[in-house]
């Protein structure tokens, strides 16, 4: 079989295995992505495996430079790639993408052991210093959004000068007394 036929066969297998898995994505004919770890966690990464023209006779390329991985330390990225290359060496001439993804999933905890689980403290301090009190007060101000019906009802309550009519907030004495009832006299 030619390299192209082997690649087509492996694509079929990968799509059937990862059908319905939201973490797996086919980026192109020869490039696949798999998200490992919980979304939004500092202990997660997006692994991209791309095949060279002669794959599986050649090792695949591993890419961790996507925007999703901006939080990963450079040492951690190199450790992940080194581990995957080590795993791929004995698998030359065979379909290995599934095995490499599963290796990354199973060993994620070991691969990310040097990765902090929260952003560095210095980065937090810089962000808070940059934000002035004026900026934070502007963010908090949010006008109440009214629907058309609410605006119409509000407009209907106003008189010809745009003001509420006299006595709009007066209490209806008869209605008020009927709700509270008669109080007993104390002697």
Protein backbone atom coordinates (compact mmCIF):
# COMPACT_ATOMS: atom_id res chain seq x y z
CA UNK A 1 0.00 0.00 0.00
CA UNK A 2 1.15 3.53 -0.69
CA UNK A 3 1.56 6.15 2.02
CA UNK A 4 -1.56 7.96 0.77
CA UNK A 5 -3.69 4.81 1.04
CA UNK A 6 -2.39 4.11 4.55
CA UNK A 7 -3.21 7.69 5.56
CA UNK A 8 -6.76 7.43 4.17
CA UNK A 9 -7.29 4.18 6.04
CA UNK A 10 -6.03 5.72 9.30
CA UNK A 11 -8.31 8.75 8.87
CA UNK A 12 -11.27 6.37 8.57
CA UNK A 13 -10.23 4.55 11.73
CA UNK A 14 -9.69 7.80 13.68
CA UNK A 15 -13.08 9.23 12.67
CA UNK A 16 -14.82 6.02 13.71
CA UNK A 17 -12.99 5.85 17.06
CA UNK A 18 -13.42 9.50 17.99
CA UNK A 19 -16.93 9.93 16.55
CA UNK A 20 -18.82 12.14 19.00
CA UNK A 21 -15.72 13.01 21.06
CA UNK A 22 -15.74 16.81 21.40
CA UNK A 23 -12.02 16.87 22.21
CA UNK A 24 -11.02 15.44 18.80
CA UNK A 25 -10.95 17.60 15.69
CA UNK A 26 -9.71 17.02 12.16
CA UNK A 27 -7.94 20.28 11.27
CA UNK A 28 -7.08 19.21 7.69
CA UNK A 29 -6.53 16.02 5.70
CA UNK A 30 -3.21 15.45 7.43
CA UNK A 31 -3.60 17.35 10.69
CA UNK A 32 -5.49 16.33 13.84
CA UNK A 33 -6.10 18.06 17.16
CA UNK A 34 -7.00 16.62 20.53
CA UNK A 35 -7.71 18.64 23.69
CA UNK A 36 -6.34 16.98 26.79
CA UNK A 37 -7.49 18.09 30.25
CA UNK A 38 -10.39 20.18 31.47
CA UNK A 39 -11.35 23.23 29.45
CA UNK A 40 -10.05 26.45 31.01
CA UNK A 41 -7.61 24.63 33.30
CA UNK A 42 -3.92 25.51 33.38
CA UNK A 43 -3.27 21.76 33.38
CA UNK A 44 -4.70 21.22 29.88
CA UNK A 45 -3.31 21.47 26.38
CA UNK A 46 -4.25 21.09 22.73
CA UNK A 47 -2.11 18.52 20.94
CA UNK A 48 -1.83 18.90 17.17
CA UNK A 49 -0.41 16.00 15.18
CA UNK A 50 0.31 16.57 11.50
CA UNK A 51 1.53 13.99 9.03
CA UNK A 52 4.37 14.58 6.59
CA UNK A 53 3.94 13.38 3.01
CA UNK A 54 5.53 9.95 3.61
CA UNK A 55 3.76 9.18 6.90
CA UNK A 56 3.75 6.48 8.42
CA UNK A 57 7.30 5.89 7.10
CA UNK A 58 8.24 9.24 8.70
CA UNK A 59 7.50 10.48 12.20
CA UNK A 60 4.54 12.86 12.52
CA UNK A 61 5.03 16.48 13.54
CA UNK A 62 3.79 17.64 16.94
CA UNK A 63 2.64 21.20 17.44
CA UNK A 64 1.81 22.89 20.75
CA UNK A 65 2.03 26.51 19.55
CA UNK A 66 -1.71 27.07 19.22
CA UNK A 67 -3.39 29.96 21.02
CA UNK A 68 -5.07 27.51 23.42
CA UNK A 69 -1.61 26.53 24.73
CA UNK A 70 -0.40 30.08 25.47
CA UNK A 71 -0.41 29.27 29.20
CA UNK A 72 1.95 26.30 28.87
CA UNK A 73 5.55 26.77 29.95
CA UNK A 74 8.15 26.20 27.23
CA UNK A 75 9.81 23.41 29.25
CA UNK A 76 6.49 21.59 29.55
CA UNK A 77 5.89 21.85 25.78
CA UNK A 78 9.33 20.40 25.08
CA UNK A 79 8.75 17.59 27.59
CA UNK A 80 5.44 16.65 25.92
CA UNK A 81 6.97 16.63 22.43
CA UNK A 82 10.00 14.62 23.60
CA UNK A 83 7.76 12.01 25.22
CA UNK A 84 5.60 11.68 22.09
CA UNK A 85 8.66 11.35 19.83
CA UNK A 86 10.02 8.67 22.15
CA UNK A 87 6.70 6.83 21.90
CA UNK A 88 6.54 7.22 18.10
CA UNK A 89 10.04 5.89 17.26
CA UNK A 90 9.21 2.17 17.63
CA UNK A 91 5.89 2.65 15.78
CA UNK A 92 7.40 3.72 12.43
CA UNK A 93 5.71 2.13 9.40
CA UNK A 94 2.47 1.67 11.40
CA UNK A 95 -0.59 3.81 12.06
CA UNK A 96 0.36 5.60 15.27
CA UNK A 97 -1.84 8.68 15.68
CA UNK A 98 -4.37 6.93 17.92
CA UNK A 99 -1.58 5.44 20.07
CA UNK A 100 0.10 8.85 20.44
CA UNK A 101 -3.14 10.59 21.44
CA UNK A 102 -3.91 7.87 23.99
CA UNK A 103 -0.34 8.08 25.34
CA UNK A 104 -0.75 11.83 25.85
CA UNK A 105 -4.13 11.33 27.56
CA UNK A 106 -2.89 8.59 29.89
CA UNK A 107 0.33 10.40 30.82
CA UNK A 108 -1.10 13.93 30.99
CA UNK A 109 -0.59 14.18 34.74
CA UNK A 110 3.10 13.24 34.45
CA UNK A 111 3.63 15.48 31.42
CA UNK A 112 2.07 18.50 33.15
CA UNK A 113 3.68 17.99 36.58
CA UNK A 114 5.93 21.05 36.09
CA UNK A 115 3.01 23.17 34.87
CA UNK A 116 1.52 25.46 37.58
CA UNK A 117 -2.19 24.99 38.19
CA UNK A 118 -2.79 28.75 38.43
CA UNK A 119 -1.37 31.81 36.67
CA UNK A 120 1.84 33.22 38.12
CA UNK A 121 1.29 35.73 40.96
CA UNK A 122 3.33 38.42 39.19
CA UNK A 123 0.93 38.43 36.25
CA UNK A 124 -2.04 38.95 38.59
CA UNK A 125 -0.32 41.90 40.29
CA UNK A 126 0.48 43.56 36.97
CA UNK A 127 -3.13 43.32 35.84
CA UNK A 128 -4.46 44.89 39.04
CA UNK A 129 -1.95 47.76 38.89
CA UNK A 130 -2.86 48.56 35.29
CA UNK A 131 -6.55 48.86 36.11
CA UNK A 132 -7.38 52.28 37.58
CA UNK A 133 -10.43 53.00 39.76
CA UNK A 134 -11.99 54.97 36.88
CA UNK A 135 -11.79 51.94 34.59
CA UNK A 136 -13.34 49.59 37.14
CA UNK A 137 -16.24 51.99 37.82
CA UNK A 138 -16.93 52.23 34.08
CA UNK A 139 -17.14 48.46 33.84
CA UNK A 140 -19.66 48.21 36.70
CA UNK A 141 -22.08 50.76 35.22
CA UNK A 142 -24.68 48.93 33.21
CA UNK A 143 -27.99 50.40 32.19
CA UNK A 144 -31.12 48.38 32.62
CA UNK A 145 -32.40 47.20 29.25
CA UNK A 146 -36.17 47.56 28.86
CA UNK A 147 -38.33 45.73 26.36
CA UNK A 148 -40.57 47.63 23.95
CA UNK A 149 -43.64 46.71 26.00
CA UNK A 150 -42.04 48.01 29.22
CA UNK A 151 -41.08 51.28 27.51
CA UNK A 152 -44.61 51.65 26.10
CA UNK A 153 -46.21 51.09 29.54
CA UNK A 154 -43.83 53.60 31.10
CA UNK A 155 -44.66 56.19 28.41
CA UNK A 156 -48.39 55.60 28.85
CA UNK A 157 -48.13 56.52 32.55
CA UNK A 158 -46.71 59.99 31.76
CA UNK A 159 -48.75 63.11 31.08
CA UNK A 160 -48.30 65.57 28.17
CA UNK A 161 -45.23 67.16 29.82
CA UNK A 162 -43.44 63.81 30.28
CA UNK A 163 -44.07 63.77 34.02
CA UNK A 164 -46.06 61.37 36.15
CA UNK A 165 -49.50 62.80 37.03
CA UNK A 166 -50.13 64.33 40.44
CA UNK A 167 -51.01 61.68 43.00
CA UNK A 168 -49.47 58.74 41.10
CA UNK A 169 -47.87 57.48 44.31
CA UNK A 170 -50.77 58.20 46.66
CA UNK A 171 -52.15 55.31 48.62
CA UNK A 172 -55.79 54.39 48.05
CA UNK A 173 -57.06 54.63 51.64
CA UNK A 174 -60.08 52.35 51.17
CA UNK A 175 -57.98 49.70 49.41
CA UNK A 176 -55.26 49.95 52.04
CA UNK A 177 -57.69 49.56 54.95
CA UNK A 178 -59.43 46.62 53.30
CA UNK A 179 -56.05 44.84 53.06
CA UNK A 180 -54.85 45.56 56.59
CA UNK A 181 -58.16 45.08 58.38
CA UNK A 182 -59.41 46.84 61.45
CA UNK A 183 -57.05 46.90 64.43
CA UNK A 184 -58.37 46.05 67.89
CA UNK A 185 -58.51 48.87 70.38
CA UNK A 186 -56.36 48.55 73.47
CA UNK A 187 -57.96 49.73 76.76
